[in-house]
Amino acid sequence: MGRVLGLGGVFFKSKNPAALAQWYRTHLHLPINGEAAELRGFDDGRAVNVWAVFDEASDYFEPTNAPFMINFRVDDIDGLLERLASEDVWIDERREDHEYGRFAWIQDLDGNRVELWEPPAP
């Protein structure tokens, strides 16, 4: 396996994340809780797309300087990372495991940080 199943989220930085989140809440009616919104998928009932704004000083996107990061939902994070390593893709050593899934990070050819997310099994 080890493939992308869909978009997990879009994250970007702002000089004023709270005000920007409020703008999206007010004008686009995003169901924002704090500074992030979960937009539930319809395919299996557990798929979620996350929209989130981070403070411009956030180091969450490091080591890149990009003001955005894409998150892809994947089906087998270990298998995917193993394959990407064999293809000489840059892989961050950092891993995170949470009740809402497992996370890892890579960089694309242009040096953009890409977050990989494997949701928990149903």
PDB file of N, CA and C in Angstrom:
ATOM      1  N   MET A   1       0.841  -1.178   0.000  1.00  0.00           N
ATOM      2  CA  MET A   1       0.000   0.000   0.000  1.00  0.00           C
ATOM      3  C   MET A   1       0.889   1.246   0.000  1.00  0.00           C
ATOM      4  N   GLY A   2       0.735   2.080   1.011  1.00  0.00           N
ATOM      5  CA  GLY A   2       1.530   3.288   1.099  1.00  0.00           C
ATOM      6  C   GLY A   2       1.199   4.288   0.016  1.00  0.00           C
ATOM      7  N   ARG A   3      -0.016   4.807   0.035  1.00  0.00           N
ATOM      8  CA  ARG A   3      -0.421   5.764  -0.995  1.00  0.00           C
ATOM      9  C   ARG A   3      -1.281   6.862  -0.377  1.00  0.00           C
ATOM     10  N   VAL A   4      -1.402   7.943  -1.114  1.00  0.00           N
ATOM     11  CA  VAL A   4      -2.237   9.057  -0.678  1.00  0.00           C
ATOM     12  C   VAL A   4      -3.694   8.710  -0.928  1.00  0.00           C
ATOM     13  N   LEU A   5      -4.544   8.957   0.083  1.00  0.00           N
ATOM     14  CA  LEU A   5      -5.983   8.709  -0.045  1.00  0.00           C
ATOM     15  C   LEU A   5      -6.765   9.981  -0.314  1.00  0.00           C
ATOM     16  N   GLY A   6      -6.195  11.114   0.066  1.00  0.00           N
ATOM     17  CA  GLY A   6      -6.899  12.372  -0.117  1.00  0.00           C
ATOM     18  C   GLY A   6      -6.189  13.494   0.595  1.00  0.00           C
ATOM     19  N   LEU A   7      -6.738  14.654   0.472  1.00  0.00           N
ATOM     20  CA  LEU A   7      -6.192  15.826   1.133  1.00  0.00           C
ATOM     21  C   LEU A   7      -6.587  15.795   2.596  1.00  0.00           C
ATOM     22  N   GLY A   8      -5.609  15.940   3.467  1.00  0.00           N
ATOM     23  CA  GLY A   8      -5.880  15.949   4.890  1.00  0.00           C
ATOM     24  C   GLY A   8      -6.087  17.351   5.416  1.00  0.00           C
ATOM     25  N   GLY A   9      -5.407  18.316   4.809  1.00  0.00           N
ATOM     26  CA  GLY A   9      -5.572  19.674   5.288  1.00  0.00           C
ATOM     27  C   GLY A   9      -4.684  20.664   4.587  1.00  0.00           C
ATOM     28  N   VAL A  10      -4.966  21.906   4.825  1.00  0.00           N
ATOM     29  CA  VAL A  10      -4.179  23.024   4.318  1.00  0.00           C
ATOM     30  C   VAL A  10      -3.878  23.920   5.509  1.00  0.00           C
ATOM     31  N   PHE A  11      -2.614  24.213   5.706  1.00  0.00           N
ATOM     32  CA  PHE A  11      -2.177  25.015   6.837  1.00  0.00           C
ATOM     33  C   PHE A  11      -1.370  26.185   6.311  1.00  0.00           C
ATOM     34  N   PHE A  12      -1.582  27.364   6.870  1.00  0.00           N
ATOM     35  CA  PHE A  12      -0.782  28.510   6.438  1.00  0.00           C
ATOM     36  C   PHE A  12      -0.599  29.479   7.573  1.00  0.00           C
ATOM     37  N   LYS A  13       0.392  30.362   7.397  1.00  0.00           N
ATOM     38  CA  LYS A  13       0.762  31.305   8.447  1.00  0.00           C
ATOM     39  C   LYS A  13       0.103  32.659   8.227  1.00  0.00           C
ATOM     40  N   SER A  14      -0.043  33.400   9.316  1.00  0.00           N
ATOM     41  CA  SER A  14      -0.635  34.728   9.262  1.00  0.00           C
ATOM     42  C   SER A  14      -0.013  35.601  10.346  1.00  0.00           C
ATOM     43  N   LYS A  15       0.050  36.903  10.069  1.00  0.00           N
ATOM     44  CA  LYS A  15       0.523  37.851  11.079  1.00  0.00           C
ATOM     45  C   LYS A  15      -0.466  37.941  12.238  1.00  0.00           C
ATOM     46  N   ASN A  16      -1.748  37.668  11.952  1.00  0.00           N
ATOM     47  CA  ASN A  16      -2.770  37.739  12.988  1.00  0.00           C
ATOM     48  C   ASN A  16      -3.729  36.552  12.813  1.00  0.00           C
ATOM     49  N   PRO A  17      -3.327  35.359  13.282  1.00  0.00           N
ATOM     50  CA  PRO A  17      -4.139  34.169  13.056  1.00  0.00           C
ATOM     51  C   PRO A  17      -5.549  34.260  13.617  1.00  0.00           C
ATOM     52  N   ALA A  18      -5.710  34.846  14.782  1.00  0.00           N
ATOM     53  CA  ALA A  18      -7.052  34.933  15.378  1.00  0.00           C
ATOM     54  C   ALA A  18      -7.979  35.782  14.513  1.00  0.00           C
ATOM     55  N   ALA A  19      -7.496  36.919  14.034  1.00  0.00           N
ATOM     56  CA  ALA A  19      -8.320  37.789  13.189  1.00  0.00           C
ATOM     57  C   ALA A  19      -8.631  37.116  11.854  1.00  0.00           C
ATOM     58  N   LEU A  20      -7.645  36.420  11.284  1.00  0.00           N
ATOM     59  CA  LEU A  20      -7.881  35.748  10.010  1.00  0.00           C
ATOM     60  C   LEU A  20      -8.889  34.609  10.187  1.00  0.00           C
ATOM     61  N   ALA A  21      -8.756  33.856  11.260  1.00  0.00           N
ATOM     62  CA  ALA A  21      -9.724  32.791  11.532  1.00  0.00           C
ATOM     63  C   ALA A  21     -11.127  33.371  11.685  1.00  0.00           C
ATOM     64  N   GLN A  22     -11.232  34.479  12.381  1.00  0.00           N
ATOM     65  CA  GLN A  22     -12.531  35.136  12.551  1.00  0.00           C
ATOM     66  C   GLN A  22     -13.099  35.576  11.207  1.00  0.00           C
ATOM     67  N   TRP A  23     -12.249  36.076  10.317  1.00  0.00           N
ATOM     68  CA  TRP A  23     -12.690  36.501   8.986  1.00  0.00           C
ATOM     69  C   TRP A  23     -13.311  35.310   8.242  1.00  0.00           C
ATOM     70  N   TYR A  24     -12.620  34.161   8.265  1.00  0.00           N
ATOM     71  CA  TYR A  24     -13.139  32.969   7.593  1.00  0.00           C
ATOM     72  C   TYR A  24     -14.417  32.467   8.271  1.00  0.00           C
ATOM     73  N   ARG A  25     -14.480  32.561   9.586  1.00  0.00           N
ATOM     74  CA  ARG A  25     -15.674  32.149  10.331  1.00  0.00           C
ATOM     75  C   ARG A  25     -16.855  33.032   9.940  1.00  0.00           C
ATOM     76  N   THR A  26     -16.620  34.340   9.877  1.00  0.00           N
ATOM     77  CA  THR A  26     -17.680  35.301   9.582  1.00  0.00           C
ATOM     78  C   THR A  26     -18.123  35.251   8.128  1.00  0.00           C
ATOM     79  N   HIS A  27     -17.174  35.283   7.214  1.00  0.00           N
ATOM     80  CA  HIS A  27     -17.508  35.449   5.801  1.00  0.00           C
ATOM     81  C   HIS A  27     -17.763  34.150   5.053  1.00  0.00           C
ATOM     82  N   LEU A  28     -17.063  33.081   5.437  1.00  0.00           N
ATOM     83  CA  LEU A  28     -17.258  31.810   4.737  1.00  0.00           C
ATOM     84  C   LEU A  28     -17.940  30.767   5.619  1.00  0.00           C
ATOM     85  N   HIS A  29     -18.263  31.162   6.845  1.00  0.00           N
ATOM     86  CA  HIS A  29     -18.973  30.295   7.788  1.00  0.00           C
ATOM     87  C   HIS A  29     -18.262  28.969   8.034  1.00  0.00           C
ATOM     88  N   LEU A  30     -16.924  29.002   8.023  1.00  0.00           N
ATOM     89  CA  LEU A  30     -16.180  27.797   8.376  1.00  0.00           C
ATOM     90  C   LEU A  30     -16.428  27.501   9.854  1.00  0.00           C
ATOM     91  N   PRO A  31     -16.623  26.244  10.195  1.00  0.00           N
ATOM     92  CA  PRO A  31     -16.880  25.879  11.594  1.00  0.00           C
ATOM     93  C   PRO A  31     -15.576  25.868  12.402  1.00  0.00           C
ATOM     94  N   ILE A  32     -15.018  27.037  12.590  1.00  0.00           N
ATOM     95  CA  ILE A  32     -13.707  27.169  13.215  1.00  0.00           C
ATOM     96  C   ILE A  32     -13.825  27.111  14.727  1.00  0.00           C
ATOM     97  N   ASN A  33     -12.997  26.267  15.311  1.00  0.00           N
ATOM     98  CA  ASN A  33     -12.885  26.151  16.757  1.00  0.00           C
ATOM     99  C   ASN A  33     -11.473  26.617  17.093  1.00  0.00           C
ATOM    100  N   GLY A  34     -11.340  27.786  17.681  1.00  0.00           N
ATOM    101  CA  GLY A  34     -10.011  28.365  17.893  1.00  0.00           C
ATOM    102  C   GLY A  34      -9.524  28.944  16.589  1.00  0.00           C
ATOM    103  N   GLU A  35      -8.510  28.319  16.010  1.00  0.00           N
ATOM    104  CA  GLU A  35      -7.964  28.786  14.738  1.00  0.00           C
ATOM    105  C   GLU A  35      -7.915  27.678  13.695  1.00  0.00           C
ATOM    106  N   ALA A  36      -8.749  26.658  13.870  1.00  0.00           N
ATOM    107  CA  ALA A  36      -8.781  25.548  12.919  1.00  0.00           C
ATOM    108  C   ALA A  36     -10.222  25.071  12.728  1.00  0.00           C
ATOM    109  N   ALA A  37     -10.474  24.487  11.580  1.00  0.00           N
ATOM    110  CA  ALA A  37     -11.793  23.936  11.279  1.00  0.00           C
ATOM    111  C   ALA A  37     -11.624  22.522  10.760  1.00  0.00           C
ATOM    112  N   GLU A  38     -12.470  21.620  11.219  1.00  0.00           N
ATOM    113  CA  GLU A  38     -12.512  20.262  10.681  1.00  0.00           C
ATOM    114  C   GLU A  38     -13.707  20.173   9.750  1.00  0.00           C
ATOM    115  N   LEU A  39     -13.444  19.798   8.516  1.00  0.00           N
ATOM    116  CA  LEU A  39     -14.492  19.658   7.512  1.00  0.00           C
ATOM    117  C   LEU A  39     -14.632  18.167   7.230  1.00  0.00           C
ATOM    118  N   ARG A  40     -15.673  17.548   7.745  1.00  0.00           N
ATOM    119  CA  ARG A  40     -15.854  16.096   7.660  1.00  0.00           C
ATOM    120  C   ARG A  40     -16.071  15.636   6.229  1.00  0.00           C
ATOM    121  N   GLY A  41     -15.408  14.538   5.890  1.00  0.00           N
ATOM    122  CA  GLY A  41     -15.577  13.924   4.586  1.00  0.00           C
ATOM    123  C   GLY A  41     -16.841  13.097   4.553  1.00  0.00           C
ATOM    124  N   PHE A  42     -17.220  12.663   3.385  1.00  0.00           N
ATOM    125  CA  PHE A  42     -18.458  11.906   3.256  1.00  0.00           C
ATOM    126  C   PHE A  42     -18.216  10.463   2.847  1.00  0.00           C
ATOM    127  N   ASP A  43     -16.978  10.106   2.521  1.00  0.00           N
ATOM    128  CA  ASP A  43     -16.731   8.771   1.990  1.00  0.00           C
ATOM    129  C   ASP A  43     -16.871   7.683   3.052  1.00  0.00           C
ATOM    130  N   ASP A  44     -16.191   7.819   4.185  1.00  0.00           N
ATOM    131  CA  ASP A  44     -16.279   6.778   5.206  1.00  0.00           C
ATOM    132  C   ASP A  44     -16.698   7.338   6.563  1.00  0.00           C
ATOM    133  N   GLY A  45     -17.091   8.590   6.600  1.00  0.00           N
ATOM    134  CA  GLY A  45     -17.550   9.192   7.830  1.00  0.00           C
ATOM    135  C   GLY A  45     -16.454   9.593   8.798  1.00  0.00           C
ATOM    136  N   ARG A  46     -15.225   9.148   8.580  1.00  0.00           N
ATOM    137  CA  ARG A  46     -14.139   9.511   9.478  1.00  0.00           C
ATOM    138  C   ARG A  46     -13.101  10.388   8.789  1.00  0.00           C
ATOM    139  N   ALA A  47     -13.203  10.508   7.490  1.00  0.00           N
ATOM    140  CA  ALA A  47     -12.277  11.370   6.760  1.00  0.00           C
ATOM    141  C   ALA A  47     -12.529  12.811   7.160  1.00  0.00           C
ATOM    142  N   VAL A  48     -11.476  13.545   7.319  1.00  0.00           N
ATOM    143  CA  VAL A  48     -11.614  14.931   7.734  1.00  0.00           C
ATOM    144  C   VAL A  48     -10.601  15.776   6.974  1.00  0.00           C
ATOM    145  N   ASN A  49     -11.005  16.956   6.588  1.00  0.00           N
ATOM    146  CA  ASN A  49     -10.083  17.939   6.037  1.00  0.00           C
ATOM    147  C   ASN A  49      -9.957  19.037   7.064  1.00  0.00           C
ATOM    148  N   VAL A  50      -8.740  19.444   7.322  1.00  0.00           N
ATOM    149  CA  VAL A  50      -8.489  20.469   8.324  1.00  0.00           C
ATOM    150  C   VAL A  50      -7.997  21.729   7.637  1.00  0.00           C
ATOM    151  N   TRP A  51      -8.574  22.833   8.011  1.00  0.00           N
ATOM    152  CA  TRP A  51      -8.117  24.157   7.595  1.00  0.00           C
ATOM    153  C   TRP A  51      -7.583  24.800   8.850  1.00  0.00           C
ATOM    154  N   ALA A  52      -6.330  25.262   8.808  1.00  0.00           N
ATOM    155  CA  ALA A  52      -5.767  25.849  10.030  1.00  0.00           C
ATOM    156  C   ALA A  52      -4.811  26.976   9.683  1.00  0.00           C
ATOM    157  N   VAL A  53      -4.846  28.001  10.497  1.00  0.00           N
ATOM    158  CA  VAL A  53      -3.940  29.136  10.344  1.00  0.00           C
ATOM    159  C   VAL A  53      -3.017  29.158  11.566  1.00  0.00           C
ATOM    160  N   PHE A  54      -1.747  29.389  11.297  1.00  0.00           N
ATOM    161  CA  PHE A  54      -0.722  29.416  12.336  1.00  0.00           C
ATOM    162  C   PHE A  54      -0.129  30.813  12.422  1.00  0.00           C
ATOM    163  N   ASP A  55       0.377  31.160  13.580  1.00  0.00           N
ATOM    164  CA  ASP A  55       1.096  32.423  13.737  1.00  0.00           C
ATOM    165  C   ASP A  55       2.314  32.422  12.815  1.00  0.00           C
ATOM    166  N   GLU A  56       2.638  33.577  12.252  1.00  0.00           N
ATOM    167  CA  GLU A  56       3.745  33.661  11.305  1.00  0.00           C
ATOM    168  C   GLU A  56       5.084  33.266  11.925  1.00  0.00           C
ATOM    169  N   ALA A  57       5.199  33.298  13.236  1.00  0.00           N
ATOM    170  CA  ALA A  57       6.442  32.915  13.917  1.00  0.00           C
ATOM    171  C   ALA A  57       6.490  31.417  14.227  1.00  0.00           C
ATOM    172  N   SER A  58       5.441  30.671  13.883  1.00  0.00           N
ATOM    173  CA  SER A  58       5.390  29.243  14.184  1.00  0.00           C
ATOM    174  C   SER A  58       6.551  28.507  13.531  1.00  0.00           C
ATOM    175  N   ASP A  59       7.114  27.550  14.252  1.00  0.00           N
ATOM    176  CA  ASP A  59       8.179  26.730  13.692  1.00  0.00           C
ATOM    177  C   ASP A  59       7.649  25.376  13.201  1.00  0.00           C
ATOM    178  N   TYR A  60       6.326  25.221  13.149  1.00  0.00           N
ATOM    179  CA  TYR A  60       5.722  23.942  12.770  1.00  0.00           C
ATOM    180  C   TYR A  60       6.084  23.530  11.344  1.00  0.00           C
ATOM    181  N   PHE A  61       6.372  24.471  10.463  1.00  0.00           N
ATOM    182  CA  PHE A  61       6.672  24.153   9.073  1.00  0.00           C
ATOM    183  C   PHE A  61       8.169  23.951   8.841  1.00  0.00           C
ATOM    184  N   GLU A  62       8.975  24.137   9.867  1.00  0.00           N
ATOM    185  CA  GLU A  62      10.424  23.997   9.710  1.00  0.00           C
ATOM    186  C   GLU A  62      10.783  22.576   9.313  1.00  0.00           C
ATOM    187  N   PRO A  63      11.837  22.392   8.535  1.00  0.00           N
ATOM    188  CA  PRO A  63      12.902  23.347   8.280  1.00  0.00           C
ATOM    189  C   PRO A  63      12.672  24.265   7.084  1.00  0.00           C
ATOM    190  N   THR A  64      11.487  24.265   6.487  1.00  0.00           N
ATOM    191  CA  THR A  64      11.251  25.165   5.362  1.00  0.00           C
ATOM    192  C   THR A  64      10.841  26.548   5.864  1.00  0.00           C
ATOM    193  N   ASN A  65      10.910  27.506   4.985  1.00  0.00           N
ATOM    194  CA  ASN A  65      10.459  28.861   5.279  1.00  0.00           C
ATOM    195  C   ASN A  65       9.131  29.157   4.600  1.00  0.00           C
ATOM    196  N   ALA A  66       8.533  28.162   3.982  1.00  0.00           N
ATOM    197  CA  ALA A  66       7.269  28.357   3.258  1.00  0.00           C
ATOM    198  C   ALA A  66       6.163  28.785   4.215  1.00  0.00           C
ATOM    199  N   PRO A  67       5.254  29.641   3.757  1.00  0.00           N
ATOM    200  CA  PRO A  67       4.153  30.090   4.605  1.00  0.00           C
ATOM    201  C   PRO A  67       2.959  29.127   4.593  1.00  0.00           C
ATOM    202  N   PHE A  68       3.120  27.935   4.005  1.00  0.00           N
ATOM    203  CA  PHE A  68       2.022  26.986   3.910  1.00  0.00           C
ATOM    204  C   PHE A  68       2.558  25.567   4.025  1.00  0.00           C
ATOM    205  N   MET A  69       1.670  24.631   4.265  1.00  0.00           N
ATOM    206  CA  MET A  69       2.020  23.212   4.262  1.00  0.00           C
ATOM    207  C   MET A  69       0.777  22.421   3.892  1.00  0.00           C
ATOM    208  N   ILE A  70       0.932  21.441   3.040  1.00  0.00           N
ATOM    209  CA  ILE A  70      -0.159  20.554   2.649  1.00  0.00           C
ATOM    210  C   ILE A  70      -0.071  19.284   3.491  1.00  0.00           C
ATOM    211  N   ASN A  71      -1.217  18.756   3.883  1.00  0.00           N
ATOM    212  CA  ASN A  71      -1.282  17.504   4.629  1.00  0.00           C
ATOM    213  C   ASN A  71      -2.048  16.507   3.775  1.00  0.00           C
ATOM    214  N   PHE A  72      -1.458  15.330   3.558  1.00  0.00           N
ATOM    215  CA  PHE A  72      -2.124  14.269   2.808  1.00  0.00           C
ATOM    216  C   PHE A  72      -2.500  13.132   3.745  1.00  0.00           C
ATOM    217  N   ARG A  73      -3.717  12.646   3.598  1.00  0.00           N
ATOM    218  CA  ARG A  73      -4.180  11.459   4.318  1.00  0.00           C
ATOM    219  C   ARG A  73      -3.645  10.242   3.575  1.00  0.00           C
ATOM    220  N   VAL A  74      -3.001   9.318   4.292  1.00  0.00           N
ATOM    221  CA  VAL A  74      -2.390   8.138   3.669  1.00  0.00           C
ATOM    222  C   VAL A  74      -2.912   6.872   4.323  1.00  0.00           C
ATOM    223  N   ASP A  75      -2.728   5.739   3.650  1.00  0.00           N
ATOM    224  CA  ASP A  75      -3.280   4.482   4.161  1.00  0.00           C
ATOM    225  C   ASP A  75      -2.275   3.629   4.933  1.00  0.00           C
ATOM    226  N   ASP A  76      -0.987   3.837   4.741  1.00  0.00           N
ATOM    227  CA  ASP A  76       0.034   3.005   5.393  1.00  0.00           C
ATOM    228  C   ASP A  76       1.291   3.851   5.514  1.00  0.00           C
ATOM    229  N   ILE A  77       1.378   4.622   6.580  1.00  0.00           N
ATOM    230  CA  ILE A  77       2.467   5.590   6.706  1.00  0.00           C
ATOM    231  C   ILE A  77       3.829   4.910   6.739  1.00  0.00           C
ATOM    232  N   ASP A  78       3.936   3.757   7.413  1.00  0.00           N
ATOM    233  CA  ASP A  78       5.220   3.058   7.480  1.00  0.00           C
ATOM    234  C   ASP A  78       5.640   2.558   6.109  1.00  0.00           C
ATOM    235  N   GLY A  79       4.712   1.941   5.385  1.00  0.00           N
ATOM    236  CA  GLY A  79       5.016   1.456   4.042  1.00  0.00           C
ATOM    237  C   GLY A  79       5.389   2.588   3.103  1.00  0.00           C
ATOM    238  N   LEU A  80       4.664   3.683   3.204  1.00  0.00           N
ATOM    239  CA  LEU A  80       4.947   4.827   2.348  1.00  0.00           C
ATOM    240  C   LEU A  80       6.330   5.399   2.653  1.00  0.00           C
ATOM    241  N   LEU A  81       6.655   5.562   3.927  1.00  0.00           N
ATOM    242  CA  LEU A  81       7.973   6.103   4.299  1.00  0.00           C
ATOM    243  C   LEU A  81       9.097   5.175   3.855  1.00  0.00           C
ATOM    244  N   GLU A  82       8.870   3.879   3.959  1.00  0.00           N
ATOM    245  CA  GLU A  82       9.879   2.919   3.506  1.00  0.00           C
ATOM    246  C   GLU A  82      10.128   3.072   2.005  1.00  0.00           C
ATOM    247  N   ARG A  83       9.044   3.185   1.249  1.00  0.00           N
ATOM    248  CA  ARG A  83       9.190   3.358  -0.204  1.00  0.00           C
ATOM    249  C   ARG A  83       9.851   4.680  -0.539  1.00  0.00           C
ATOM    250  N   LEU A  84       9.432   5.763   0.126  1.00  0.00           N
ATOM    251  CA  LEU A  84      10.021   7.075  -0.144  1.00  0.00           C
ATOM    252  C   LEU A  84      11.511   7.097   0.192  1.00  0.00           C
ATOM    253  N   ALA A  85      11.912   6.405   1.257  1.00  0.00           N
ATOM    254  CA  ALA A  85      13.333   6.335   1.618  1.00  0.00           C
ATOM    255  C   ALA A  85      14.125   5.640   0.509  1.00  0.00           C
ATOM    256  N   SER A  86      13.545   4.598  -0.077  1.00  0.00           N
ATOM    257  CA  SER A  86      14.235   3.881  -1.159  1.00  0.00           C
ATOM    258  C   SER A  86      14.321   4.726  -2.425  1.00  0.00           C
ATOM    259  N   GLU A  87      13.492   5.759  -2.509  1.00  0.00           N
ATOM    260  CA  GLU A  87      13.494   6.664  -3.663  1.00  0.00           C
ATOM    261  C   GLU A  87      14.264   7.949  -3.363  1.00  0.00           C
ATOM    262  N   ASP A  88      15.016   7.942  -2.262  1.00  0.00           N
ATOM    263  CA  ASP A  88      15.857   9.078  -1.855  1.00  0.00           C
ATOM    264  C   ASP A  88      15.080  10.366  -1.610  1.00  0.00           C
ATOM    265  N   VAL A  89      13.845  10.251  -1.130  1.00  0.00           N
ATOM    266  CA  VAL A  89      13.061  11.413  -0.735  1.00  0.00           C
ATOM    267  C   VAL A  89      13.517  11.824   0.661  1.00  0.00           C
ATOM    268  N   TRP A  90      13.638  13.151   0.897  1.00  0.00           N
ATOM    269  CA  TRP A  90      14.027  13.641   2.215  1.00  0.00           C
ATOM    270  C   TRP A  90      12.879  13.376   3.181  1.00  0.00           C
ATOM    271  N   ILE A  91      13.204  12.725   4.304  1.00  0.00           N
ATOM    272  CA  ILE A  91      12.212  12.381   5.322  1.00  0.00           C
ATOM    273  C   ILE A  91      12.684  12.932   6.659  1.00  0.00           C
ATOM    274  N   ASP A  92      11.815  13.674   7.308  1.00  0.00           N
ATOM    275  CA  ASP A  92      12.107  14.195   8.647  1.00  0.00           C
ATOM    276  C   ASP A  92      12.129  13.021   9.623  1.00  0.00           C
ATOM    277  N   GLU A  93      13.054  13.035  10.570  1.00  0.00           N
ATOM    278  CA  GLU A  93      13.134  11.965  11.567  1.00  0.00           C
ATOM    279  C   GLU A  93      11.990  12.034  12.574  1.00  0.00           C
ATOM    280  N   ARG A  94      11.372  13.190  12.700  1.00  0.00           N
ATOM    281  CA  ARG A  94      10.295  13.403  13.678  1.00  0.00           C
ATOM    282  C   ARG A  94       9.053  12.589  13.309  1.00  0.00           C
ATOM    283  N   ARG A  95       8.429  11.991  14.316  1.00  0.00           N
ATOM    284  CA  ARG A  95       7.158  11.278  14.167  1.00  0.00           C
ATOM    285  C   ARG A  95       6.267  11.684  15.327  1.00  0.00           C
ATOM    286  N   GLU A  96       4.967  11.670  15.094  1.00  0.00           N
ATOM    287  CA  GLU A  96       4.015  11.931  16.164  1.00  0.00           C
ATOM    288  C   GLU A  96       2.881  10.925  16.078  1.00  0.00           C
ATOM    289  N   ASP A  97       2.497  10.402  17.234  1.00  0.00           N
ATOM    290  CA  ASP A  97       1.364   9.490  17.347  1.00  0.00           C
ATOM    291  C   ASP A  97       0.365  10.114  18.311  1.00  0.00           C
ATOM    292  N   HIS A  98      -0.866  10.227  17.853  1.00  0.00           N
ATOM    293  CA  HIS A  98      -1.940  10.809  18.650  1.00  0.00           C
ATOM    294  C   HIS A  98      -3.168   9.915  18.542  1.00  0.00           C
ATOM    295  N   GLU A  99      -4.172  10.173  19.357  1.00  0.00           N
ATOM    296  CA  GLU A  99      -5.415   9.407  19.275  1.00  0.00           C
ATOM    297  C   GLU A  99      -6.099   9.609  17.926  1.00  0.00           C
ATOM    298  N   TYR A 100      -5.807  10.709  17.247  1.00  0.00           N
ATOM    299  CA  TYR A 100      -6.422  11.005  15.947  1.00  0.00           C
ATOM    300  C   TYR A 100      -5.523  10.642  14.774  1.00  0.00           C
ATOM    301  N   GLY A 101      -4.423   9.918  15.033  1.00  0.00           N
ATOM    302  CA  GLY A 101      -3.620   9.413  13.943  1.00  0.00           C
ATOM    303  C   GLY A 101      -2.125   9.563  14.120  1.00  0.00           C
ATOM    304  N   ARG A 102      -1.409   9.096  13.109  1.00  0.00           N
ATOM    305  CA  ARG A 102       0.047   9.120  13.089  1.00  0.00           C
ATOM    306  C   ARG A 102       0.507  10.133  12.039  1.00  0.00           C
ATOM    307  N   PHE A 103       1.632  10.800  12.331  1.00  0.00           N
ATOM    308  CA  PHE A 103       2.122  11.860  11.456  1.00  0.00           C
ATOM    309  C   PHE A 103       3.612  11.684  11.153  1.00  0.00           C
ATOM    310  N   ALA A 104       3.976  12.067   9.938  1.00  0.00           N
ATOM    311  CA  ALA A 104       5.372  12.119   9.517  1.00  0.00           C
ATOM    312  C   ALA A 104       5.476  13.242   8.492  1.00  0.00           C
ATOM    313  N   TRP A 105       6.708  13.680   8.189  1.00  0.00           N
ATOM    314  CA  TRP A 105       6.919  14.793   7.281  1.00  0.00           C
ATOM    315  C   TRP A 105       8.007  14.483   6.290  1.00  0.00           C
ATOM    316  N   ILE A 106       7.819  14.965   5.080  1.00  0.00           N
ATOM    317  CA  ILE A 106       8.798  14.842   4.007  1.00  0.00           C
ATOM    318  C   ILE A 106       8.954  16.214   3.360  1.00  0.00           C
ATOM    319  N   GLN A 107       9.895  16.308   2.401  1.00  0.00           N
ATOM    320  CA  GLN A 107       9.994  17.519   1.586  1.00  0.00           C
ATOM    321  C   GLN A 107       9.912  17.114   0.131  1.00  0.00           C
ATOM    322  N   ASP A 108       9.207  17.950  -0.652  1.00  0.00           N
ATOM    323  CA  ASP A 108       9.116  17.693  -2.083  1.00  0.00           C
ATOM    324  C   ASP A 108      10.363  18.206  -2.791  1.00  0.00           C
ATOM    325  N   LEU A 109      10.392  18.089  -4.089  1.00  0.00           N
ATOM    326  CA  LEU A 109      11.554  18.469  -4.890  1.00  0.00           C
ATOM    327  C   LEU A 109      11.923  19.938  -4.730  1.00  0.00           C
ATOM    328  N   ASP A 110      10.931  20.811  -4.475  1.00  0.00           N
ATOM    329  CA  ASP A 110      11.193  22.237  -4.278  1.00  0.00           C
ATOM    330  C   ASP A 110      11.497  22.590  -2.825  1.00  0.00           C
ATOM    331  N   GLY A 111      11.548  21.603  -1.953  1.00  0.00           N
ATOM    332  CA  GLY A 111      11.835  21.851  -0.541  1.00  0.00           C
ATOM    333  C   GLY A 111      10.621  22.222   0.287  1.00  0.00           C
ATOM    334  N   ASN A 112       9.414  22.044  -0.261  1.00  0.00           N
ATOM    335  CA  ASN A 112       8.189  22.311   0.498  1.00  0.00           C
ATOM    336  C   ASN A 112       7.936  21.174   1.482  1.00  0.00           C
ATOM    337  N   ARG A 113       7.570  21.529   2.686  1.00  0.00           N
ATOM    338  CA  ARG A 113       7.262  20.535   3.707  1.00  0.00           C
ATOM    339  C   ARG A 113       5.877  19.955   3.427  1.00  0.00           C
ATOM    340  N   VAL A 114       5.774  18.640   3.497  1.00  0.00           N
ATOM    341  CA  VAL A 114       4.525  17.924   3.273  1.00  0.00           C
ATOM    342  C   VAL A 114       4.280  17.045   4.489  1.00  0.00           C
ATOM    343  N   GLU A 115       3.079  17.178   5.063  1.00  0.00           N
ATOM    344  CA  GLU A 115       2.728  16.376   6.227  1.00  0.00           C
ATOM    345  C   GLU A 115       1.936  15.157   5.764  1.00  0.00           C
ATOM    346  N   LEU A 116       2.293  13.991   6.294  1.00  0.00           N
ATOM    347  CA  LEU A 116       1.593  12.749   5.999  1.00  0.00           C
ATOM    348  C   LEU A 116       0.828  12.335   7.258  1.00  0.00           C
ATOM    349  N   TRP A 117      -0.441  11.991   7.089  1.00  0.00           N
ATOM    350  CA  TRP A 117      -1.301  11.654   8.218  1.00  0.00           C
ATOM    351  C   TRP A 117      -2.023  10.346   7.937  1.00  0.00           C
ATOM    352  N   GLU A 118      -1.835   9.377   8.831  1.00  0.00           N
ATOM    353  CA  GLU A 118      -2.583   8.129   8.772  1.00  0.00           C
ATOM    354  C   GLU A 118      -3.606   8.140   9.901  1.00  0.00           C
ATOM    355  N   PRO A 119      -4.888   8.311   9.567  1.00  0.00           N
ATOM    356  CA  PRO A 119      -5.921   8.314  10.610  1.00  0.00           C
ATOM    357  C   PRO A 119      -5.969   6.951  11.304  1.00  0.00           C
ATOM    358  N   PRO A 120      -6.500   6.896  12.514  1.00  0.00           N
ATOM    359  CA  PRO A 120      -6.625   5.613  13.201  1.00  0.00           C
ATOM    360  C   PRO A 120      -7.589   4.688  12.455  1.00  0.00           C
ATOM    361  N   ALA A 121      -7.391   3.405  12.630  1.00  0.00           N
ATOM    362  CA  ALA A 121      -8.299   2.427  12.012  1.00  0.00           C
ATOM    363  C   ALA A 121      -9.688   2.583  12.609  1.00  0.00           C
ATOM    364  N   PRO A 122     -10.718   2.335  11.790  1.00  0.00           N
ATOM    365  CA  PRO A 122     -12.098   2.473  12.285  1.00  0.00           C
ATOM    366  C   PRO A 122     -12.411   1.457  13.367  1.00  0.00           C
TER     367      PRO A 122
END
